[in-house]
Amino acid sequence: QTKNNSVPLSCCKAALSNCTGSLTRPMDLYSEGCEALVVKKLQ
């Protein structure tokens, strides 16, 4: 729906202040998925 080729800003690495969530700069985003981490946390 957004059609801006970006992910939520919550995906941006905390150390970066100018991150827009754009998929053209994947190095600015967290690379690990959340499912495994959520499972690990709950366990």
PDB file of all heavy atoms in Angstrom:
ATOM      1  N   GLN A   1       0.817  -1.212   0.000  1.00  0.00           N
ATOM      2  CA  GLN A   1       0.000   0.000   0.000  1.00  0.00           C
ATOM      3  C   GLN A   1       0.852   1.265   0.000  1.00  0.00           C
ATOM      4  O   GLN A   1       0.511   2.250  -0.652  1.00  0.00           O
ATOM      5  CB  GLN A   1      -0.943   0.000   1.206  1.00  0.00           C
ATOM      6  CG  GLN A   1      -2.086  -1.005   1.093  1.00  0.00           C
ATOM      7  CD  GLN A   1      -2.965  -1.031   2.330  1.00  0.00           C
ATOM      8  OE1 GLN A   1      -2.568  -0.532   3.395  1.00  0.00           O
ATOM      9  NE2 GLN A   1      -4.159  -1.600   2.203  1.00  0.00           N
ATOM     10  N   THR A   2       1.938   1.259   0.747  1.00  0.00           N
ATOM     11  CA  THR A   2       2.781   2.446   0.829  1.00  0.00           C
ATOM     12  C   THR A   2       3.565   2.702  -0.466  1.00  0.00           C
ATOM     13  O   THR A   2       3.797   3.844  -0.849  1.00  0.00           O
ATOM     14  CB  THR A   2       3.767   2.326   2.001  1.00  0.00           C
ATOM     15  OG1 THR A   2       4.541   1.122   1.847  1.00  0.00           O
ATOM     16  CG2 THR A   2       3.036   2.300   3.337  1.00  0.00           C
ATOM     17  N   LYS A   3       3.973   1.641  -1.155  1.00  0.00           N
ATOM     18  CA  LYS A   3       4.676   1.726  -2.437  1.00  0.00           C
ATOM     19  C   LYS A   3       5.912   2.644  -2.405  1.00  0.00           C
ATOM     20  O   LYS A   3       6.215   3.311  -3.382  1.00  0.00           O
ATOM     21  CB  LYS A   3       3.705   2.229  -3.521  1.00  0.00           C
ATOM     22  CG  LYS A   3       2.516   1.327  -3.753  1.00  0.00           C
ATOM     23  CD  LYS A   3       1.589   1.904  -4.809  1.00  0.00           C
ATOM     24  CE  LYS A   3       0.380   1.003  -5.020  1.00  0.00           C
ATOM     25  NZ  LYS A   3      -0.538   1.550  -6.047  1.00  0.00           N
ATOM     26  N   ASN A   4       6.581   2.664  -1.266  1.00  0.00           N
ATOM     27  CA  ASN A   4       7.792   3.495  -1.182  1.00  0.00           C
ATOM     28  C   ASN A   4       9.068   2.673  -1.017  1.00  0.00           C
ATOM     29  O   ASN A   4      10.122   3.213  -0.692  1.00  0.00           O
ATOM     30  CB  ASN A   4       7.668   4.512  -0.048  1.00  0.00           C
ATOM     31  CG  ASN A   4       7.449   3.838   1.303  1.00  0.00           C
ATOM     32  OD1 ASN A   4       7.473   2.603   1.396  1.00  0.00           O
ATOM     33  ND2 ASN A   4       7.223   4.636   2.334  1.00  0.00           N
ATOM     34  N   ASN A   5       8.918   1.344  -1.188  1.00  0.00           N
ATOM     35  CA  ASN A   5      10.069   0.441  -1.154  1.00  0.00           C
ATOM     36  C   ASN A   5      10.882   0.584   0.137  1.00  0.00           C
ATOM     37  O   ASN A   5      12.114   0.595   0.119  1.00  0.00           O
ATOM     38  CB  ASN A   5      10.987   0.679  -2.355  1.00  0.00           C
ATOM     39  CG  ASN A   5      11.955  -0.475  -2.589  1.00  0.00           C
ATOM     40  OD1 ASN A   5      11.597  -1.643  -2.398  1.00  0.00           O
ATOM     41  ND2 ASN A   5      13.188  -0.169  -2.979  1.00  0.00           N
ATOM     42  N   SER A   6      10.174   0.697   1.244  1.00  0.00           N
ATOM     43  CA  SER A   6      10.857   0.825   2.535  1.00  0.00           C
ATOM     44  C   SER A   6      10.131   0.011   3.591  1.00  0.00           C
ATOM     45  O   SER A   6       8.952  -0.332   3.444  1.00  0.00           O
ATOM     46  CB  SER A   6      10.928   2.292   2.965  1.00  0.00           C
ATOM     47  OG  SER A   6       9.637   2.807   3.175  1.00  0.00           O
ATOM     48  N   VAL A   7      10.838  -0.292   4.646  1.00  0.00           N
ATOM     49  CA  VAL A   7      10.288  -1.042   5.786  1.00  0.00           C
ATOM     50  C   VAL A   7      10.094  -0.069   6.943  1.00  0.00           C
ATOM     51  O   VAL A   7      10.569   1.072   6.881  1.00  0.00           O
ATOM     52  CB  VAL A   7      11.248  -2.188   6.180  1.00  0.00           C
ATOM     53  CG1 VAL A   7      11.369  -3.189   5.048  1.00  0.00           C
ATOM     54  CG2 VAL A   7      12.615  -1.639   6.565  1.00  0.00           C
ATOM     55  N   PRO A   8       9.399  -0.472   8.007  1.00  0.00           N
ATOM     56  CA  PRO A   8       9.213   0.424   9.152  1.00  0.00           C
ATOM     57  C   PRO A   8      10.539   0.899   9.738  1.00  0.00           C
ATOM     58  O   PRO A   8      11.554   0.197   9.684  1.00  0.00           O
ATOM     59  CB  PRO A   8       8.453  -0.447  10.154  1.00  0.00           C
ATOM     60  CG  PRO A   8       7.731  -1.435   9.305  1.00  0.00           C
ATOM     61  CD  PRO A   8       8.649  -1.725   8.166  1.00  0.00           C
ATOM     62  N   LEU A   9      10.510   2.093  10.302  1.00  0.00           N
ATOM     63  CA  LEU A   9      11.730   2.666  10.877  1.00  0.00           C
ATOM     64  C   LEU A   9      12.252   1.846  12.051  1.00  0.00           C
ATOM     65  O   LEU A   9      13.418   1.964  12.418  1.00  0.00           O
ATOM     66  CB  LEU A   9      11.457   4.103  11.337  1.00  0.00           C
ATOM     67  CG  LEU A   9      11.142   5.111  10.222  1.00  0.00           C
ATOM     68  CD1 LEU A   9      10.867   6.490  10.818  1.00  0.00           C
ATOM     69  CD2 LEU A   9      12.288   5.181   9.220  1.00  0.00           C
ATOM     70  N   SER A  10      11.392   1.020  12.631  1.00  0.00           N
ATOM     71  CA  SER A  10      11.837   0.167  13.743  1.00  0.00           C
ATOM     72  C   SER A  10      12.838  -0.878  13.289  1.00  0.00           C
ATOM     73  O   SER A  10      13.494  -1.526  14.112  1.00  0.00           O
ATOM     74  CB  SER A  10      10.636  -0.514  14.412  1.00  0.00           C
ATOM     75  OG  SER A  10       9.874  -1.246  13.461  1.00  0.00           O
ATOM     76  N   CYS A  11      12.974  -1.045  11.937  1.00  0.00           N
ATOM     77  CA  CYS A  11      13.962  -1.974  11.401  1.00  0.00           C
ATOM     78  C   CYS A  11      15.346  -1.337  11.322  1.00  0.00           C
ATOM     79  O   CYS A  11      16.334  -2.031  11.077  1.00  0.00           O
ATOM     80  CB  CYS A  11      13.552  -2.426   9.998  1.00  0.00           C
ATOM     81  SG  CYS A  11      12.251  -3.687   9.980  1.00  0.00           S
ATOM     82  N   CYS A  12      15.403  -0.022  11.487  1.00  0.00           N
ATOM     83  CA  CYS A  12      16.679   0.674  11.367  1.00  0.00           C
ATOM     84  C   CYS A  12      17.581   0.395  12.559  1.00  0.00           C
ATOM     85  O   CYS A  12      17.108   0.327  13.702  1.00  0.00           O
ATOM     86  CB  CYS A  12      16.441   2.179  11.262  1.00  0.00           C
ATOM     87  SG  CYS A  12      15.589   2.683   9.746  1.00  0.00           S
ATOM     88  N   LYS A  13      18.855   0.248  12.297  1.00  0.00           N
ATOM     89  CA  LYS A  13      19.818   0.034  13.370  1.00  0.00           C
ATOM     90  C   LYS A  13      19.841   1.242  14.296  1.00  0.00           C
ATOM     91  O   LYS A  13      19.800   2.392  13.837  1.00  0.00           O
ATOM     92  CB  LYS A  13      21.204  -0.217  12.792  1.00  0.00           C
ATOM     93  CG  LYS A  13      21.301  -1.518  11.993  1.00  0.00           C
ATOM     94  CD  LYS A  13      22.684  -1.718  11.409  1.00  0.00           C
ATOM     95  CE  LYS A  13      22.768  -3.024  10.621  1.00  0.00           C
ATOM     96  NZ  LYS A  13      24.093  -3.238  10.005  1.00  0.00           N
ATOM     97  N   ALA A  14      19.889   0.982  15.595  1.00  0.00           N
ATOM     98  CA  ALA A  14      19.768   2.038  16.593  1.00  0.00           C
ATOM     99  C   ALA A  14      20.864   3.092  16.479  1.00  0.00           C
ATOM    100  O   ALA A  14      20.655   4.258  16.813  1.00  0.00           O
ATOM    101  CB  ALA A  14      19.771   1.431  17.994  1.00  0.00           C
ATOM    102  N   ALA A  15      22.023   2.701  15.996  1.00  0.00           N
ATOM    103  CA  ALA A  15      23.157   3.627  15.932  1.00  0.00           C
ATOM    104  C   ALA A  15      23.023   4.646  14.804  1.00  0.00           C
ATOM    105  O   ALA A  15      23.749   5.647  14.767  1.00  0.00           O
ATOM    106  CB  ALA A  15      24.455   2.849  15.768  1.00  0.00           C
ATOM    107  N   LEU A  16      22.086   4.404  13.876  1.00  0.00           N
ATOM    108  CA  LEU A  16      21.930   5.291  12.719  1.00  0.00           C
ATOM    109  C   LEU A  16      20.812   6.296  12.952  1.00  0.00           C
ATOM    110  O   LEU A  16      19.705   5.922  13.347  1.00  0.00           O
ATOM    111  CB  LEU A  16      21.644   4.469  11.458  1.00  0.00           C
ATOM    112  CG  LEU A  16      22.702   3.421  11.089  1.00  0.00           C
ATOM    113  CD1 LEU A  16      22.248   2.620   9.885  1.00  0.00           C
ATOM    114  CD2 LEU A  16      24.042   4.091  10.808  1.00  0.00           C
ATOM    115  N   SER A  17      21.066   7.547  12.682  1.00  0.00           N
ATOM    116  CA  SER A  17      20.061   8.596  12.881  1.00  0.00           C
ATOM    117  C   SER A  17      19.398   9.037  11.578  1.00  0.00           C
ATOM    118  O   SER A  17      18.334   9.659  11.596  1.00  0.00           O
ATOM    119  CB  SER A  17      20.706   9.818  13.557  1.00  0.00           C
ATOM    120  OG  SER A  17      21.785  10.305  12.761  1.00  0.00           O
ATOM    121  N   ASN A  18      20.005   8.718  10.455  1.00  0.00           N
ATOM    122  CA  ASN A  18      19.467   9.165   9.172  1.00  0.00           C
ATOM    123  C   ASN A  18      18.852   8.029   8.361  1.00  0.00           C
ATOM    124  O   ASN A  18      18.669   8.148   7.140  1.00  0.00           O
ATOM    125  CB  ASN A  18      20.570   9.845   8.346  1.00  0.00           C
ATOM    126  CG  ASN A  18      21.750   8.911   8.084  1.00  0.00           C
ATOM    127  OD1 ASN A  18      21.873   7.873   8.733  1.00  0.00           O
ATOM    128  ND2 ASN A  18      22.600   9.279   7.137  1.00  0.00           N
ATOM    129  N   CYS A  19      18.536   6.933   9.017  1.00  0.00           N
ATOM    130  CA  CYS A  19      17.951   5.774   8.334  1.00  0.00           C
ATOM    131  C   CYS A  19      16.483   6.046   7.995  1.00  0.00           C
ATOM    132  O   CYS A  19      15.723   6.517   8.850  1.00  0.00           O
ATOM    133  CB  CYS A  19      18.078   4.527   9.206  1.00  0.00           C
ATOM    134  SG  CYS A  19      17.285   3.063   8.513  1.00  0.00           S
ATOM    135  N   THR A  20      16.089   5.732   6.769  1.00  0.00           N
ATOM    136  CA  THR A  20      14.699   5.928   6.323  1.00  0.00           C
ATOM    137  C   THR A  20      13.965   4.600   6.129  1.00  0.00           C
ATOM    138  O   THR A  20      12.789   4.596   5.773  1.00  0.00           O
ATOM    139  CB  THR A  20      14.682   6.705   4.995  1.00  0.00           C
ATOM    140  OG1 THR A  20      15.382   5.947   3.999  1.00  0.00           O
ATOM    141  CG2 THR A  20      15.320   8.081   5.163  1.00  0.00           C
ATOM    142  N   GLY A  21      14.649   3.494   6.341  1.00  0.00           N
ATOM    143  CA  GLY A  21      14.031   2.185   6.150  1.00  0.00           C
ATOM    144  C   GLY A  21      14.025   1.724   4.711  1.00  0.00           C
ATOM    145  O   GLY A  21      13.400   0.709   4.380  1.00  0.00           O
ATOM    146  N   SER A  22      14.693   2.450   3.836  1.00  0.00           N
ATOM    147  CA  SER A  22      14.694   2.101   2.410  1.00  0.00           C
ATOM    148  C   SER A  22      15.424   0.788   2.166  1.00  0.00           C
ATOM    149  O   SER A  22      16.505   0.534   2.714  1.00  0.00           O
ATOM    150  CB  SER A  22      15.353   3.222   1.606  1.00  0.00           C
ATOM    151  OG  SER A  22      15.471   2.847   0.250  1.00  0.00           O
ATOM    152  N   LEU A  23      14.824  -0.053   1.308  1.00  0.00           N
ATOM    153  CA  LEU A  23      15.442  -1.334   0.965  1.00  0.00           C
ATOM    154  C   LEU A  23      16.636  -1.161   0.036  1.00  0.00           C
ATOM    155  O   LEU A  23      17.349  -2.130  -0.240  1.00  0.00           O
ATOM    156  CB  LEU A  23      14.394  -2.249   0.316  1.00  0.00           C
ATOM    157  CG  LEU A  23      13.308  -2.779   1.255  1.00  0.00           C
ATOM    158  CD1 LEU A  23      12.325  -3.650   0.492  1.00  0.00           C
ATOM    159  CD2 LEU A  23      13.915  -3.559   2.414  1.00  0.00           C
ATOM    160  N   THR A  24      16.833   0.052  -0.467  1.00  0.00           N
ATOM    161  CA  THR A  24      18.019   0.307  -1.293  1.00  0.00           C
ATOM    162  C   THR A  24      19.277   0.422  -0.446  1.00  0.00           C
ATOM    163  O   THR A  24      20.389   0.403  -0.974  1.00  0.00           O
ATOM    164  CB  THR A  24      17.836   1.612  -2.101  1.00  0.00           C
ATOM    165  OG1 THR A  24      17.635   2.698  -1.195  1.00  0.00           O
ATOM    166  CG2 THR A  24      16.631   1.488  -3.035  1.00  0.00           C
ATOM    167  N   ARG A  25      19.086   0.547   0.881  1.00  0.00           N
ATOM    168  CA  ARG A  25      20.235   0.590   1.800  1.00  0.00           C
ATOM    169  C   ARG A  25      20.066  -0.493   2.875  1.00  0.00           C
ATOM    170  O   ARG A  25      19.782  -0.204   4.048  1.00  0.00           O
ATOM    171  CB  ARG A  25      20.330   1.976   2.458  1.00  0.00           C
ATOM    172  CG  ARG A  25      20.699   3.086   1.468  1.00  0.00           C
ATOM    173  CD  ARG A  25      20.853   4.410   2.192  1.00  0.00           C
ATOM    174  NE  ARG A  25      21.856   4.359   3.247  1.00  0.00           N
ATOM    175  CZ  ARG A  25      23.167   4.501   3.051  1.00  0.00           C
ATOM    176  NH1 ARG A  25      23.642   4.692   1.824  1.00  0.00           N
ATOM    177  NH2 ARG A  25      24.011   4.459   4.062  1.00  0.00           N
ATOM    178  N   PRO A  26      20.175  -1.750   2.484  1.00  0.00           N
ATOM    179  CA  PRO A  26      19.959  -2.859   3.425  1.00  0.00           C
ATOM    180  C   PRO A  26      20.961  -2.875   4.582  1.00  0.00           C
ATOM    181  O   PRO A  26      20.681  -3.463   5.630  1.00  0.00           O
ATOM    182  CB  PRO A  26      20.103  -4.105   2.548  1.00  0.00           C
ATOM    183  CG  PRO A  26      20.916  -3.657   1.380  1.00  0.00           C
ATOM    184  CD  PRO A  26      20.517  -2.234   1.135  1.00  0.00           C
ATOM    185  N   MET A  27      22.133  -2.221   4.362  1.00  0.00           N
ATOM    186  CA  MET A  27      23.122  -2.207   5.440  1.00  0.00           C
ATOM    187  C   MET A  27      22.661  -1.371   6.640  1.00  0.00           C
ATOM    188  O   MET A  27      23.216  -1.496   7.723  1.00  0.00           O
ATOM    189  CB  MET A  27      24.460  -1.677   4.917  1.00  0.00           C
ATOM    190  CG  MET A  27      24.492  -0.188   4.565  1.00  0.00           C
ATOM    191  SD  MET A  27      23.528   0.219   3.062  1.00  0.00           S
ATOM    192  CE  MET A  27      24.474  -0.656   1.817  1.00  0.00           C
ATOM    193  N   ASP A  28      21.622  -0.538   6.446  1.00  0.00           N
ATOM    194  CA  ASP A  28      21.091   0.276   7.544  1.00  0.00           C
ATOM    195  C   ASP A  28      20.062  -0.482   8.386  1.00  0.00           C
ATOM    196  O   ASP A  28      19.644   0.000   9.440  1.00  0.00           O
ATOM    197  CB  ASP A  28      20.413   1.546   6.993  1.00  0.00           C
ATOM    198  CG  ASP A  28      21.405   2.495   6.350  1.00  0.00           C
ATOM    199  OD1 ASP A  28      22.617   2.293   6.543  1.00  0.00           O
ATOM    200  OD2 ASP A  28      20.958   3.433   5.656  1.00  0.00           O
ATOM    201  N   LEU A  29      19.671  -1.676   7.923  1.00  0.00           N
ATOM    202  CA  LEU A  29      18.584  -2.423   8.560  1.00  0.00           C
ATOM    203  C   LEU A  29      19.118  -3.629   9.337  1.00  0.00           C
ATOM    204  O   LEU A  29      20.180  -4.175   9.019  1.00  0.00           O
ATOM    205  CB  LEU A  29      17.595  -2.908   7.492  1.00  0.00           C
ATOM    206  CG  LEU A  29      17.072  -1.853   6.511  1.00  0.00           C
ATOM    207  CD1 LEU A  29      16.208  -2.521   5.443  1.00  0.00           C
ATOM    208  CD2 LEU A  29      16.294  -0.775   7.245  1.00  0.00           C
ATOM    209  N   TYR A  30      18.352  -4.026  10.337  1.00  0.00           N
ATOM    210  CA  TYR A  30      18.683  -5.259  11.060  1.00  0.00           C
ATOM    211  C   TYR A  30      18.521  -6.427  10.097  1.00  0.00           C
ATOM    212  O   TYR A  30      17.517  -6.534   9.385  1.00  0.00           O
ATOM    213  CB  TYR A  30      17.776  -5.455  12.261  1.00  0.00           C
ATOM    214  CG  TYR A  30      17.945  -4.414  13.336  1.00  0.00           C
ATOM    215  CD1 TYR A  30      16.870  -3.625  13.747  1.00  0.00           C
ATOM    216  CD2 TYR A  30      19.173  -4.228  13.962  1.00  0.00           C
ATOM    217  CE1 TYR A  30      17.018  -2.679  14.753  1.00  0.00           C
ATOM    218  CE2 TYR A  30      19.334  -3.282  14.962  1.00  0.00           C
ATOM    219  CZ  TYR A  30      18.250  -2.502  15.351  1.00  0.00           C
ATOM    220  OH  TYR A  30      18.414  -1.565  16.329  1.00  0.00           O
ATOM    221  N   SER A  31      19.480  -7.302  10.066  1.00  0.00           N
ATOM    222  CA  SER A  31      19.464  -8.412   9.103  1.00  0.00           C
ATOM    223  C   SER A  31      18.779  -9.662   9.641  1.00  0.00           C
ATOM    224  O   SER A  31      18.333 -10.513   8.867  1.00  0.00           O
ATOM    225  CB  SER A  31      20.891  -8.761   8.691  1.00  0.00           C
ATOM    226  OG  SER A  31      21.672  -9.109   9.838  1.00  0.00           O
ATOM    227  N   GLU A  32      18.673  -9.775  10.951  1.00  0.00           N
ATOM    228  CA  GLU A  32      18.107 -10.992  11.550  1.00  0.00           C
ATOM    229  C   GLU A  32      16.591 -10.881  11.667  1.00  0.00           C
ATOM    230  O   GLU A  32      16.048  -9.813  11.972  1.00  0.00           O
ATOM    231  CB  GLU A  32      18.718 -11.225  12.926  1.00  0.00           C
ATOM    232  CG  GLU A  32      18.439 -12.603  13.483  1.00  0.00           C
ATOM    233  CD  GLU A  32      19.294 -12.929  14.693  1.00  0.00           C
ATOM    234  OE1 GLU A  32      20.107 -12.066  15.102  1.00  0.00           O
ATOM    235  OE2 GLU A  32      19.156 -14.037  15.231  1.00  0.00           O
ATOM    236  N   GLY A  33      15.895 -11.991  11.396  1.00  0.00           N
ATOM    237  CA  GLY A  33      14.443 -12.020  11.521  1.00  0.00           C
ATOM    238  C   GLY A  33      13.986 -12.094  12.963  1.00  0.00           C
ATOM    239  O   GLY A  33      14.742 -12.486  13.853  1.00  0.00           O
ATOM    240  N   CYS A  34      12.724 -11.728  13.184  1.00  0.00           N
ATOM    241  CA  CYS A  34      12.210 -11.624  14.558  1.00  0.00           C
ATOM    242  C   CYS A  34      11.649 -12.938  15.107  1.00  0.00           C
ATOM    243  O   CYS A  34      11.622 -13.131  16.319  1.00  0.00           O
ATOM    244  CB  CYS A  34      11.115 -10.553  14.622  1.00  0.00           C
ATOM    245  SG  CYS A  34      11.728  -8.873  14.348  1.00  0.00           S
ATOM    246  N   GLU A  35      11.196 -13.822  14.230  1.00  0.00           N
ATOM    247  CA  GLU A  35      10.525 -15.023  14.714  1.00  0.00           C
ATOM    248  C   GLU A  35      11.416 -15.841  15.646  1.00  0.00           C
ATOM    249  O   GLU A  35      11.018 -16.193  16.761  1.00  0.00           O
ATOM    250  CB  GLU A  35      10.075 -15.899  13.548  1.00  0.00           C
ATOM    251  CG  GLU A  35       9.348 -17.161  14.007  1.00  0.00           C
ATOM    252  CD  GLU A  35       8.851 -18.004  12.844  1.00  0.00           C
ATOM    253  OE1 GLU A  35       9.177 -17.685  11.687  1.00  0.00           O
ATOM    254  OE2 GLU A  35       8.134 -18.986  13.096  1.00  0.00           O
ATOM    255  N   ALA A  36      12.625 -16.137  15.214  1.00  0.00           N
ATOM    256  CA  ALA A  36      13.537 -16.945  16.032  1.00  0.00           C
ATOM    257  C   ALA A  36      13.869 -16.246  17.339  1.00  0.00           C
ATOM    258  O   ALA A  36      13.963 -16.892  18.399  1.00  0.00           O
ATOM    259  CB  ALA A  36      14.814 -17.240  15.255  1.00  0.00           C
ATOM    260  N   LEU A  37      14.009 -14.922  17.304  1.00  0.00           N
ATOM    261  CA  LEU A  37      14.362 -14.177  18.514  1.00  0.00           C
ATOM    262  C   LEU A  37      13.197 -14.105  19.494  1.00  0.00           C
ATOM    263  O   LEU A  37      13.393 -14.151  20.706  1.00  0.00           O
ATOM    264  CB  LEU A  37      14.829 -12.762  18.143  1.00  0.00           C
ATOM    265  CG  LEU A  37      16.129 -12.695  17.335  1.00  0.00           C
ATOM    266  CD1 LEU A  37      16.476 -11.249  16.995  1.00  0.00           C
ATOM    267  CD2 LEU A  37      17.278 -13.330  18.116  1.00  0.00           C
ATOM    268  N   VAL A  38      11.974 -13.969  18.971  1.00  0.00           N
ATOM    269  CA  VAL A  38      10.789 -13.962  19.835  1.00  0.00           C
ATOM    270  C   VAL A  38      10.633 -15.317  20.525  1.00  0.00           C
ATOM    271  O   VAL A  38      10.370 -15.393  21.733  1.00  0.00           O
ATOM    272  CB  VAL A  38       9.516 -13.619  19.029  1.00  0.00           C
ATOM    273  CG1 VAL A  38       8.256 -13.890  19.859  1.00  0.00           C
ATOM    274  CG2 VAL A  38       9.539 -12.154  18.600  1.00  0.00           C
ATOM    275  N   VAL A  39      10.803 -16.385  19.743  1.00  0.00           N
ATOM    276  CA  VAL A  39      10.719 -17.742  20.314  1.00  0.00           C
ATOM    277  C   VAL A  39      11.770 -17.919  21.403  1.00  0.00           C
ATOM    278  O   VAL A  39      11.480 -18.421  22.500  1.00  0.00           O
ATOM    279  CB  VAL A  39      10.900 -18.803  19.211  1.00  0.00           C
ATOM    280  CG1 VAL A  39      11.060 -20.192  19.835  1.00  0.00           C
ATOM    281  CG2 VAL A  39       9.707 -18.799  18.273  1.00  0.00           C
ATOM    282  N   LYS A  40      12.993 -17.501  21.114  1.00  0.00           N
ATOM    283  CA  LYS A  40      14.081 -17.623  22.091  1.00  0.00           C
ATOM    284  C   LYS A  40      13.780 -16.839  23.358  1.00  0.00           C
ATOM    285  O   LYS A  40      13.989 -17.332  24.475  1.00  0.00           O
ATOM    286  CB  LYS A  40      15.382 -17.121  21.468  1.00  0.00           C
ATOM    287  CG  LYS A  40      16.590 -17.235  22.389  1.00  0.00           C
ATOM    288  CD  LYS A  40      17.847 -16.701  21.709  1.00  0.00           C
ATOM    289  CE  LYS A  40      19.046 -16.750  22.650  1.00  0.00           C
ATOM    290  NZ  LYS A  40      20.266 -16.210  22.019  1.00  0.00           N
ATOM    291  N   LYS A  41      13.251 -15.612  23.203  1.00  0.00           N
ATOM    292  CA  LYS A  41      12.938 -14.773  24.358  1.00  0.00           C
ATOM    293  C   LYS A  41      11.854 -15.407  25.217  1.00  0.00           C
ATOM    294  O   LYS A  41      11.981 -15.475  26.451  1.00  0.00           O
ATOM    295  CB  LYS A  41      12.480 -13.392  23.874  1.00  0.00           C
ATOM    296  CG  LYS A  41      12.155 -12.406  24.990  1.00  0.00           C
ATOM    297  CD  LYS A  41      13.394 -12.002  25.754  1.00  0.00           C
ATOM    298  CE  LYS A  41      13.097 -10.918  26.770  1.00  0.00           C
ATOM    299  NZ  LYS A  41      14.299 -10.521  27.536  1.00  0.00           N
ATOM    300  N   LEU A  42      10.789 -15.882  24.598  1.00  0.00           N
ATOM    301  CA  LEU A  42       9.684 -16.484  25.348  1.00  0.00           C
ATOM    302  C   LEU A  42      10.120 -17.778  26.038  1.00  0.00           C
ATOM    303  O   LEU A  42       9.693 -18.070  27.156  1.00  0.00           O
ATOM    304  CB  LEU A  42       8.500 -16.745  24.419  1.00  0.00           C
ATOM    305  CG  LEU A  42       7.836 -15.500  23.814  1.00  0.00           C
ATOM    306  CD1 LEU A  42       6.705 -15.894  22.881  1.00  0.00           C
ATOM    307  CD2 LEU A  42       7.311 -14.583  24.910  1.00  0.00           C
ATOM    308  N   GLN A  43      10.977 -18.541  25.368  1.00  0.00           N
ATOM    309  CA  GLN A  43      11.480 -19.772  25.980  1.00  0.00           C
ATOM    310  C   GLN A  43      12.400 -19.462  27.159  1.00  0.00           C
ATOM    311  O   GLN A  43      12.407 -20.190  28.167  1.00  0.00           O
ATOM    312  CB  GLN A  43      12.206 -20.623  24.938  1.00  0.00           C
ATOM    313  CG  GLN A  43      11.271 -21.261  23.925  1.00  0.00           C
ATOM    314  CD  GLN A  43      11.989 -22.110  22.915  1.00  0.00           C
ATOM    315  OE1 GLN A  43      13.190 -21.940  22.669  1.00  0.00           O
ATOM    316  NE2 GLN A  43      11.293 -23.042  22.287  1.00  0.00           N
TER     317      GLN A  43
END
